[in-house]
Amino acid sequence: MLISPSALQDPGDGAKPEDLSMDCTDGEDELCLEEILTLYSQPINEEQAWAVCYQCCRWLTQKQRRKETGGSPPGRIAGPGDVRIRKDGTVKLYQQSSP
């Protein structure tokens, strides 16, 4: 299950993704969840929220499988700015180290 790429297009209020400052991106074709929420000026719907949760869990599981045993403790997701959604609907997380 992927987040629909159309979720990143035409918010309907006249704002366009290219009009936003892309502070959350690393130059790739992605937006952070915080930017998407700002762009829409409303919460995402339940289906989109479940898709984001699924993609975040999938990303964390894949990261854990790649990590060697005895590695660093898991980080934490501080907020929607840490969740990056690519144009194809996949999610990438930027975690802060645990204190």
PDB file of N, CA and C in Angstrom:
ATOM      1  N   MET A   1       0.846  -1.166   0.000  1.00  0.00           N
ATOM      2  CA  MET A   1       0.000   0.000   0.000  1.00  0.00           C
ATOM      3  C   MET A   1       0.896   1.235   0.000  1.00  0.00           C
ATOM      4  N   LEU A   2       0.650   2.104  -0.936  1.00  0.00           N
ATOM      5  CA  LEU A   2       1.405   3.342  -1.046  1.00  0.00           C
ATOM      6  C   LEU A   2       0.464   4.526  -0.934  1.00  0.00           C
ATOM      7  N   ILE A   3       1.012   5.635  -0.553  1.00  0.00           N
ATOM      8  CA  ILE A   3       0.234   6.870  -0.514  1.00  0.00           C
ATOM      9  C   ILE A   3       0.084   7.356  -1.940  1.00  0.00           C
ATOM     10  N   SER A   4      -1.096   7.742  -2.306  1.00  0.00           N
ATOM     11  CA  SER A   4      -1.352   8.191  -3.663  1.00  0.00           C
ATOM     12  C   SER A   4      -0.507   9.406  -4.009  1.00  0.00           C
ATOM     13  N   PRO A   5       0.210   9.356  -5.138  1.00  0.00           N
ATOM     14  CA  PRO A   5       0.967  10.540  -5.555  1.00  0.00           C
ATOM     15  C   PRO A   5       0.076  11.757  -5.751  1.00  0.00           C
ATOM     16  N   SER A   6      -1.205  11.532  -6.022  1.00  0.00           N
ATOM     17  CA  SER A   6      -2.105  12.670  -6.195  1.00  0.00           C
ATOM     18  C   SER A   6      -2.299  13.429  -4.887  1.00  0.00           C
ATOM     19  N   ALA A   7      -1.946  12.812  -3.763  1.00  0.00           N
ATOM     20  CA  ALA A   7      -2.044  13.504  -2.475  1.00  0.00           C
ATOM     21  C   ALA A   7      -1.073  14.669  -2.408  1.00  0.00           C
ATOM     22  N   LEU A   8      -0.058  14.637  -3.263  1.00  0.00           N
ATOM     23  CA  LEU A   8       0.931  15.704  -3.279  1.00  0.00           C
ATOM     24  C   LEU A   8       0.622  16.752  -4.335  1.00  0.00           C
ATOM     25  N   GLN A   9      -0.520  16.629  -4.998  1.00  0.00           N
ATOM     26  CA  GLN A   9      -0.861  17.543  -6.079  1.00  0.00           C
ATOM     27  C   GLN A   9      -2.147  18.293  -5.758  1.00  0.00           C
ATOM     28  N   ASP A  10      -2.288  19.455  -6.365  1.00  0.00           N
ATOM     29  CA  ASP A  10      -3.497  20.270  -6.334  1.00  0.00           C
ATOM     30  C   ASP A  10      -4.280  20.217  -5.027  1.00  0.00           C
ATOM     31  N   PRO A  11      -3.884  20.987  -4.041  1.00  0.00           N
ATOM     32  CA  PRO A  11      -4.599  21.011  -2.780  1.00  0.00           C
ATOM     33  C   PRO A  11      -5.966  21.666  -2.865  1.00  0.00           C
ATOM     34  N   GLY A  12      -6.257  22.326  -3.959  1.00  0.00           N
ATOM     35  CA  GLY A  12      -7.573  22.901  -4.148  1.00  0.00           C
ATOM     36  C   GLY A  12      -7.735  24.312  -3.604  1.00  0.00           C
ATOM     37  N   ASP A  13      -6.765  24.835  -2.870  1.00  0.00           N
ATOM     38  CA  ASP A  13      -6.903  26.186  -2.322  1.00  0.00           C
ATOM     39  C   ASP A  13      -6.038  27.196  -3.060  1.00  0.00           C
ATOM     40  N   GLY A  14      -5.522  26.815  -4.222  1.00  0.00           N
ATOM     41  CA  GLY A  14      -4.710  27.726  -5.012  1.00  0.00           C
ATOM     42  C   GLY A  14      -3.231  27.624  -4.725  1.00  0.00           C
ATOM     43  N   ALA A  15      -2.847  27.045  -3.586  1.00  0.00           N
ATOM     44  CA  ALA A  15      -1.424  26.874  -3.273  1.00  0.00           C
ATOM     45  C   ALA A  15      -0.864  25.738  -4.118  1.00  0.00           C
ATOM     46  N   LYS A  16       0.381  25.870  -4.482  1.00  0.00           N
ATOM     47  CA  LYS A  16       1.034  24.842  -5.285  1.00  0.00           C
ATOM     48  C   LYS A  16       2.278  24.381  -4.554  1.00  0.00           C
ATOM     49  N   PRO A  17       2.628  23.078  -4.676  1.00  0.00           N
ATOM     50  CA  PRO A  17       3.822  22.580  -4.004  1.00  0.00           C
ATOM     51  C   PRO A  17       5.069  23.379  -4.342  1.00  0.00           C
ATOM     52  N   GLU A  18       5.189  23.860  -5.587  1.00  0.00           N
ATOM     53  CA  GLU A  18       6.395  24.607  -5.966  1.00  0.00           C
ATOM     54  C   GLU A  18       6.454  25.983  -5.314  1.00  0.00           C
ATOM     55  N   ASP A  19       5.314  26.464  -4.780  1.00  0.00           N
ATOM     56  CA  ASP A  19       5.291  27.756  -4.101  1.00  0.00           C
ATOM     57  C   ASP A  19       5.810  27.680  -2.668  1.00  0.00           C
ATOM     58  N   LEU A  20       5.915  26.472  -2.132  1.00  0.00           N
ATOM     59  CA  LEU A  20       6.357  26.310  -0.757  1.00  0.00           C
ATOM     60  C   LEU A  20       7.868  26.315  -0.671  1.00  0.00           C
ATOM     61  N   SER A  21       8.384  26.770   0.464  1.00  0.00           N
ATOM     62  CA  SER A  21       9.809  26.597   0.698  1.00  0.00           C
ATOM     63  C   SER A  21      10.001  25.147   1.102  1.00  0.00           C
ATOM     64  N   MET A  22      10.910  24.488   0.479  1.00  0.00           N
ATOM     65  CA  MET A  22      11.098  23.066   0.714  1.00  0.00           C
ATOM     66  C   MET A  22      12.164  22.830   1.774  1.00  0.00           C
ATOM     67  N   ASP A  23      11.992  23.418   2.934  1.00  0.00           N
ATOM     68  CA  ASP A  23      12.957  23.268   4.010  1.00  0.00           C
ATOM     69  C   ASP A  23      13.095  21.822   4.446  1.00  0.00           C
ATOM     70  N   CYS A  24      12.062  21.025   4.257  1.00  0.00           N
ATOM     71  CA  CYS A  24      12.071  19.653   4.739  1.00  0.00           C
ATOM     72  C   CYS A  24      12.741  18.692   3.768  1.00  0.00           C
ATOM     73  N   THR A  25      13.064  19.111   2.575  1.00  0.00           N
ATOM     74  CA  THR A  25      13.580  18.177   1.588  1.00  0.00           C
ATOM     75  C   THR A  25      15.082  18.266   1.453  1.00  0.00           C
ATOM     76  N   ASP A  26      15.624  17.213   0.871  1.00  0.00           N
ATOM     77  CA  ASP A  26      17.055  17.142   0.610  1.00  0.00           C
ATOM     78  C   ASP A  26      17.326  17.263  -0.882  1.00  0.00           C
ATOM     79  N   GLY A  27      16.488  17.971  -1.610  1.00  0.00           N
ATOM     80  CA  GLY A  27      16.683  18.132  -3.034  1.00  0.00           C
ATOM     81  C   GLY A  27      16.058  17.016  -3.853  1.00  0.00           C
ATOM     82  N   GLU A  28      15.436  16.047  -3.205  1.00  0.00           N
ATOM     83  CA  GLU A  28      14.778  14.964  -3.913  1.00  0.00           C
ATOM     84  C   GLU A  28      13.319  15.347  -4.140  1.00  0.00           C
ATOM     85  N   ASP A  29      12.611  14.501  -4.850  1.00  0.00           N
ATOM     86  CA  ASP A  29      11.193  14.738  -5.100  1.00  0.00           C
ATOM     87  C   ASP A  29      10.382  14.208  -3.924  1.00  0.00           C
ATOM     88  N   GLU A  30      10.418  14.926  -2.836  1.00  0.00           N
ATOM     89  CA  GLU A  30       9.696  14.519  -1.639  1.00  0.00           C
ATOM     90  C   GLU A  30       9.272  15.750  -0.850  1.00  0.00           C
ATOM     91  N   LEU A  31       8.241  15.572  -0.057  1.00  0.00           N
ATOM     92  CA  LEU A  31       7.770  16.607   0.864  1.00  0.00           C
ATOM     93  C   LEU A  31       7.669  15.978   2.241  1.00  0.00           C
ATOM     94  N   CYS A  32       7.901  16.768   3.264  1.00  0.00           N
ATOM     95  CA  CYS A  32       7.674  16.230   4.599  1.00  0.00           C
ATOM     96  C   CYS A  32       6.173  16.330   4.892  1.00  0.00           C
ATOM     97  N   LEU A  33       5.728  15.480   5.784  1.00  0.00           N
ATOM     98  CA  LEU A  33       4.311  15.457   6.143  1.00  0.00           C
ATOM     99  C   LEU A  33       3.858  16.817   6.662  1.00  0.00           C
ATOM    100  N   GLU A  34       4.743  17.506   7.353  1.00  0.00           N
ATOM    101  CA  GLU A  34       4.422  18.838   7.869  1.00  0.00           C
ATOM    102  C   GLU A  34       4.077  19.801   6.730  1.00  0.00           C
ATOM    103  N   GLU A  35       4.835  19.750   5.633  1.00  0.00           N
ATOM    104  CA  GLU A  35       4.557  20.613   4.475  1.00  0.00           C
ATOM    105  C   GLU A  35       3.224  20.244   3.821  1.00  0.00           C
ATOM    106  N   ILE A  36       2.937  18.946   3.755  1.00  0.00           N
ATOM    107  CA  ILE A  36       1.673  18.508   3.155  1.00  0.00           C
ATOM    108  C   ILE A  36       0.500  19.010   3.991  1.00  0.00           C
ATOM    109  N   LEU A  37       0.618  18.898   5.312  1.00  0.00           N
ATOM    110  CA  LEU A  37      -0.456  19.380   6.186  1.00  0.00           C
ATOM    111  C   LEU A  37      -0.638  20.885   6.060  1.00  0.00           C
ATOM    112  N   THR A  38       0.469  21.611   5.930  1.00  0.00           N
ATOM    113  CA  THR A  38       0.401  23.065   5.751  1.00  0.00           C
ATOM    114  C   THR A  38      -0.232  23.408   4.408  1.00  0.00           C
ATOM    115  N   LEU A  39       0.148  22.676   3.382  1.00  0.00           N
ATOM    116  CA  LEU A  39      -0.364  22.911   2.042  1.00  0.00           C
ATOM    117  C   LEU A  39      -1.878  22.723   1.982  1.00  0.00           C
ATOM    118  N   TYR A  40      -2.370  21.672   2.615  1.00  0.00           N
ATOM    119  CA  TYR A  40      -3.807  21.395   2.605  1.00  0.00           C
ATOM    120  C   TYR A  40      -4.577  22.213   3.635  1.00  0.00           C
ATOM    121  N   SER A  41      -3.909  22.736   4.641  1.00  0.00           N
ATOM    122  CA  SER A  41      -4.547  23.483   5.733  1.00  0.00           C
ATOM    123  C   SER A  41      -5.636  22.674   6.426  1.00  0.00           C
ATOM    124  N   GLN A  42      -5.446  21.368   6.472  1.00  0.00           N
ATOM    125  CA  GLN A  42      -6.383  20.479   7.147  1.00  0.00           C
ATOM    126  C   GLN A  42      -5.695  19.133   7.362  1.00  0.00           C
ATOM    127  N   PRO A  43      -6.239  18.299   8.242  1.00  0.00           N
ATOM    128  CA  PRO A  43      -5.634  16.983   8.460  1.00  0.00           C
ATOM    129  C   PRO A  43      -5.810  16.085   7.237  1.00  0.00           C
ATOM    130  N   ILE A  44      -4.956  15.071   7.143  1.00  0.00           N
ATOM    131  CA  ILE A  44      -5.139  14.076   6.089  1.00  0.00           C
ATOM    132  C   ILE A  44      -6.310  13.185   6.482  1.00  0.00           C
ATOM    133  N   ASN A  45      -6.896  12.491   5.514  1.00  0.00           N
ATOM    134  CA  ASN A  45      -8.038  11.640   5.837  1.00  0.00           C
ATOM    135  C   ASN A  45      -7.557  10.323   6.456  1.00  0.00           C
ATOM    136  N   GLU A  46      -8.492   9.537   6.938  1.00  0.00           N
ATOM    137  CA  GLU A  46      -8.153   8.303   7.655  1.00  0.00           C
ATOM    138  C   GLU A  46      -7.374   7.327   6.779  1.00  0.00           C
ATOM    139  N   GLU A  47      -7.784   7.176   5.537  1.00  0.00           N
ATOM    140  CA  GLU A  47      -7.089   6.256   4.631  1.00  0.00           C
ATOM    141  C   GLU A  47      -5.636   6.691   4.422  1.00  0.00           C
ATOM    142  N   GLN A  48      -5.419   7.984   4.234  1.00  0.00           N
ATOM    143  CA  GLN A  48      -4.059   8.493   4.064  1.00  0.00           C
ATOM    144  C   GLN A  48      -3.246   8.310   5.345  1.00  0.00           C
ATOM    145  N   ALA A  49      -3.875   8.528   6.505  1.00  0.00           N
ATOM    146  CA  ALA A  49      -3.181   8.361   7.785  1.00  0.00           C
ATOM    147  C   ALA A  49      -2.732   6.919   7.978  1.00  0.00           C
ATOM    148  N   TRP A  50      -3.606   5.961   7.651  1.00  0.00           N
ATOM    149  CA  TRP A  50      -3.226   4.554   7.763  1.00  0.00           C
ATOM    150  C   TRP A  50      -2.110   4.214   6.780  1.00  0.00           C
ATOM    151  N   ALA A  51      -2.155   4.793   5.600  1.00  0.00           N
ATOM    152  CA  ALA A  51      -1.091   4.549   4.619  1.00  0.00           C
ATOM    153  C   ALA A  51       0.246   5.088   5.125  1.00  0.00           C
ATOM    154  N   VAL A  52       0.235   6.267   5.742  1.00  0.00           N
ATOM    155  CA  VAL A  52       1.467   6.834   6.309  1.00  0.00           C
ATOM    156  C   VAL A  52       1.971   5.939   7.437  1.00  0.00           C
ATOM    157  N   CYS A  53       1.070   5.496   8.315  1.00  0.00           N
ATOM    158  CA  CYS A  53       1.469   4.604   9.416  1.00  0.00           C
ATOM    159  C   CYS A  53       2.080   3.315   8.879  1.00  0.00           C
ATOM    160  N   TYR A  54       1.430   2.723   7.887  1.00  0.00           N
ATOM    161  CA  TYR A  54       1.936   1.488   7.289  1.00  0.00           C
ATOM    162  C   TYR A  54       3.324   1.700   6.695  1.00  0.00           C
ATOM    163  N   GLN A  55       3.489   2.764   5.930  1.00  0.00           N
ATOM    164  CA  GLN A  55       4.779   3.034   5.297  1.00  0.00           C
ATOM    165  C   GLN A  55       5.862   3.319   6.341  1.00  0.00           C
ATOM    166  N   CYS A  56       5.526   4.025   7.415  1.00  0.00           N
ATOM    167  CA  CYS A  56       6.502   4.293   8.483  1.00  0.00           C
ATOM    168  C   CYS A  56       6.931   2.991   9.152  1.00  0.00           C
ATOM    169  N   CYS A  57       5.967   2.130   9.470  1.00  0.00           N
ATOM    170  CA  CYS A  57       6.295   0.838  10.084  1.00  0.00           C
ATOM    171  C   CYS A  57       7.144  -0.007   9.147  1.00  0.00           C
ATOM    172  N   ARG A  58       6.804   0.004   7.884  1.00  0.00           N
ATOM    173  CA  ARG A  58       7.575  -0.753   6.895  1.00  0.00           C
ATOM    174  C   ARG A  58       9.013  -0.237   6.824  1.00  0.00           C
ATOM    175  N   TRP A  59       9.180   1.085   6.806  1.00  0.00           N
ATOM    176  CA  TRP A  59      10.514   1.671   6.738  1.00  0.00           C
ATOM    177  C   TRP A  59      11.317   1.302   7.977  1.00  0.00           C
ATOM    178  N   LEU A  60      10.689   1.396   9.170  1.00  0.00           N
ATOM    179  CA  LEU A  60      11.374   1.055  10.417  1.00  0.00           C
ATOM    180  C   LEU A  60      11.765  -0.418  10.454  1.00  0.00           C
ATOM    181  N   THR A  61      10.885  -1.302   9.971  1.00  0.00           N
ATOM    182  CA  THR A  61      11.185  -2.733   9.931  1.00  0.00           C
ATOM    183  C   THR A  61      12.364  -3.010   9.017  1.00  0.00           C
ATOM    184  N   GLN A  62      12.369  -2.402   7.844  1.00  0.00           N
ATOM    185  CA  GLN A  62      13.479  -2.592   6.910  1.00  0.00           C
ATOM    186  C   GLN A  62      14.775  -2.060   7.496  1.00  0.00           C
ATOM    187  N   LYS A  63      14.715  -0.931   8.179  1.00  0.00           N
ATOM    188  CA  LYS A  63      15.910  -0.358   8.803  1.00  0.00           C
ATOM    189  C   LYS A  63      16.435  -1.289   9.883  1.00  0.00           C
ATOM    190  N   GLN A  64      15.533  -1.844  10.693  1.00  0.00           N
ATOM    191  CA  GLN A  64      15.936  -2.747  11.769  1.00  0.00           C
ATOM    192  C   GLN A  64      16.584  -4.006  11.203  1.00  0.00           C
ATOM    193  N   ARG A  65      16.060  -4.531  10.109  1.00  0.00           N
ATOM    194  CA  ARG A  65      16.636  -5.730   9.489  1.00  0.00           C
ATOM    195  C   ARG A  65      18.032  -5.471   8.951  1.00  0.00           C
ATOM    196  N   ARG A  66      18.268  -4.259   8.448  1.00  0.00           N
ATOM    197  CA  ARG A  66      19.583  -3.914   7.902  1.00  0.00           C
ATOM    198  C   ARG A  66      20.601  -3.649   8.997  1.00  0.00           C
ATOM    199  N   LYS A  67      20.111  -3.250  10.161  1.00  0.00           N
ATOM    200  CA  LYS A  67      21.002  -2.871  11.257  1.00  0.00           C
ATOM    201  C   LYS A  67      21.666  -4.118  11.841  1.00  0.00           C
ATOM    202  N   GLU A  68      22.925  -4.004  12.150  1.00  0.00           N
ATOM    203  CA  GLU A  68      23.640  -5.098  12.804  1.00  0.00           C
ATOM    204  C   GLU A  68      23.195  -5.167  14.258  1.00  0.00           C
ATOM    205  N   THR A  69      23.262  -6.384  14.838  1.00  0.00           N
ATOM    206  CA  THR A  69      22.893  -6.522  16.240  1.00  0.00           C
ATOM    207  C   THR A  69      23.883  -5.754  17.100  1.00  0.00           C
ATOM    208  N   GLY A  70      23.402  -5.208  18.193  1.00  0.00           N
ATOM    209  CA  GLY A  70      24.251  -4.420  19.076  1.00  0.00           C
ATOM    210  C   GLY A  70      24.501  -3.019  18.562  1.00  0.00           C
ATOM    211  N   GLY A  71      23.722  -2.597  17.583  1.00  0.00           N
ATOM    212  CA  GLY A  71      23.883  -1.257  17.010  1.00  0.00           C
ATOM    213  C   GLY A  71      23.355  -0.196  17.954  1.00  0.00           C
ATOM    214  N   SER A  72      23.261   0.979  17.448  1.00  0.00           N
ATOM    215  CA  SER A  72      22.782   2.097  18.255  1.00  0.00           C
ATOM    216  C   SER A  72      21.310   1.902  18.608  1.00  0.00           C
ATOM    217  N   PRO A  73      20.870   2.502  19.712  1.00  0.00           N
ATOM    218  CA  PRO A  73      19.460   2.379  20.082  1.00  0.00           C
ATOM    219  C   PRO A  73      18.581   3.059  19.038  1.00  0.00           C
ATOM    220  N   PRO A  74      17.325   2.630  18.949  1.00  0.00           N
ATOM    221  CA  PRO A  74      16.449   3.253  17.958  1.00  0.00           C
ATOM    222  C   PRO A  74      16.262   4.734  18.241  1.00  0.00           C
ATOM    223  N   GLY A  75      16.093   5.495  17.189  1.00  0.00           N
ATOM    224  CA  GLY A  75      15.841   6.926  17.341  1.00  0.00           C
ATOM    225  C   GLY A  75      14.370   7.166  17.606  1.00  0.00           C
ATOM    226  N   ARG A  76      13.974   8.416  17.545  1.00  0.00           N
ATOM    227  CA  ARG A  76      12.559   8.728  17.733  1.00  0.00           C
ATOM    228  C   ARG A  76      12.120   9.692  16.646  1.00  0.00           C
ATOM    229  N   ILE A  77      10.850   9.627  16.328  1.00  0.00           N
ATOM    230  CA  ILE A  77      10.262  10.534  15.357  1.00  0.00           C
ATOM    231  C   ILE A  77       9.684  11.692  16.151  1.00  0.00           C
ATOM    232  N   ALA A  78      10.239  12.875  15.955  1.00  0.00           N
ATOM    233  CA  ALA A  78       9.838  14.032  16.757  1.00  0.00           C
ATOM    234  C   ALA A  78       8.523  14.650  16.293  1.00  0.00           C
ATOM    235  N   GLY A  79       8.176  14.488  15.033  1.00  0.00           N
ATOM    236  CA  GLY A  79       6.953  15.102  14.536  1.00  0.00           C
ATOM    237  C   GLY A  79       6.805  14.907  13.044  1.00  0.00           C
ATOM    238  N   PRO A  80       5.819  15.567  12.445  1.00  0.00           N
ATOM    239  CA  PRO A  80       5.551  15.377  11.023  1.00  0.00           C
ATOM    240  C   PRO A  80       6.680  15.848  10.114  1.00  0.00           C
ATOM    241  N   GLY A  81       7.572  16.684  10.609  1.00  0.00           N
ATOM    242  CA  GLY A  81       8.712  17.120   9.805  1.00  0.00           C
ATOM    243  C   GLY A  81       9.724  16.018   9.569  1.00  0.00           C
ATOM    244  N   ASP A  82       9.675  14.954  10.385  1.00  0.00           N
ATOM    245  CA  ASP A  82      10.598  13.828  10.239  1.00  0.00           C
ATOM    246  C   ASP A  82      10.093  12.788   9.245  1.00  0.00           C
ATOM    247  N   VAL A  83       8.853  12.916   8.807  1.00  0.00           N
ATOM    248  CA  VAL A  83       8.254  11.955   7.876  1.00  0.00           C
ATOM    249  C   VAL A  83       8.285  12.564   6.484  1.00  0.00           C
ATOM    250  N   ARG A  84       9.075  11.983   5.590  1.00  0.00           N
ATOM    251  CA  ARG A  84       9.200  12.477   4.215  1.00  0.00           C
ATOM    252  C   ARG A  84       8.433  11.549   3.285  1.00  0.00           C
ATOM    253  N   ILE A  85       7.604  12.114   2.443  1.00  0.00           N
ATOM    254  CA  ILE A  85       6.808  11.338   1.498  1.00  0.00           C
ATOM    255  C   ILE A  85       7.276  11.684   0.102  1.00  0.00           C
ATOM    256  N   ARG A  86       7.695  10.659  -0.626  1.00  0.00           N
ATOM    257  CA  ARG A  86       8.188  10.849  -1.987  1.00  0.00           C
ATOM    258  C   ARG A  86       7.026  10.874  -2.965  1.00  0.00           C
ATOM    259  N   LYS A  87       7.305  11.335  -4.179  1.00  0.00           N
ATOM    260  CA  LYS A  87       6.256  11.427  -5.200  1.00  0.00           C
ATOM    261  C   LYS A  87       5.618  10.081  -5.501  1.00  0.00           C
ATOM    262  N   ASP A  88       6.391   8.986  -5.384  1.00  0.00           N
ATOM    263  CA  ASP A  88       5.826   7.667  -5.668  1.00  0.00           C
ATOM    264  C   ASP A  88       5.022   7.114  -4.495  1.00  0.00           C
ATOM    265  N   GLY A  89       4.935   7.864  -3.393  1.00  0.00           N
ATOM    266  CA  GLY A  89       4.139   7.455  -2.246  1.00  0.00           C
ATOM    267  C   GLY A  89       4.910   6.746  -1.155  1.00  0.00           C
ATOM    268  N   THR A  90       6.162   6.425  -1.389  1.00  0.00           N
ATOM    269  CA  THR A  90       6.942   5.777  -0.348  1.00  0.00           C
ATOM    270  C   THR A  90       7.351   6.791   0.710  1.00  0.00           C
ATOM    271  N   VAL A  91       7.632   6.294   1.887  1.00  0.00           N
ATOM    272  CA  VAL A  91       7.957   7.137   3.031  1.00  0.00           C
ATOM    273  C   VAL A  91       9.386   6.888   3.470  1.00  0.00           C
ATOM    274  N   LYS A  92      10.048   7.949   3.889  1.00  0.00           N
ATOM    275  CA  LYS A  92      11.388   7.866   4.457  1.00  0.00           C
ATOM    276  C   LYS A  92      11.357   8.674   5.744  1.00  0.00           C
ATOM    277  N   LEU A  93      11.978   8.144   6.790  1.00  0.00           N
ATOM    278  CA  LEU A  93      11.985   8.825   8.082  1.00  0.00           C
ATOM    279  C   LEU A  93      13.362   9.379   8.388  1.00  0.00           C
ATOM    280  N   TYR A  94      13.375  10.508   9.042  1.00  0.00           N
ATOM    281  CA  TYR A  94      14.604  11.099   9.562  1.00  0.00           C
ATOM    282  C   TYR A  94      14.436  11.136  11.067  1.00  0.00           C
ATOM    283  N   GLN A  95      15.148  10.240  11.745  1.00  0.00           N
ATOM    284  CA  GLN A  95      14.989  10.104  13.183  1.00  0.00           C
ATOM    285  C   GLN A  95      16.077  10.832  13.938  1.00  0.00           C
ATOM    286  N   GLN A  96      15.698  11.357  15.092  1.00  0.00           N
ATOM    287  CA  GLN A  96      16.666  11.932  16.006  1.00  0.00           C
ATOM    288  C   GLN A  96      17.175  10.806  16.894  1.00  0.00           C
ATOM    289  N   SER A  97      18.416  10.907  17.322  1.00  0.00           N
ATOM    290  CA  SER A  97      18.963   9.899  18.224  1.00  0.00           C
ATOM    291  C   SER A  97      18.247   9.966  19.561  1.00  0.00           C
ATOM    292  N   SER A  98      18.113   8.804  20.195  1.00  0.00           N
ATOM    293  CA  SER A  98      17.493   8.765  21.517  1.00  0.00           C
ATOM    294  C   SER A  98      18.402   9.430  22.532  1.00  0.00           C
ATOM    295  N   PRO A  99      17.828  10.118  23.529  1.00  0.00           N
ATOM    296  CA  PRO A  99      18.653  10.792  24.535  1.00  0.00           C
ATOM    297  C   PRO A  99      19.343   9.816  25.457  1.00  0.00           C
TER     298      PRO A  99
END
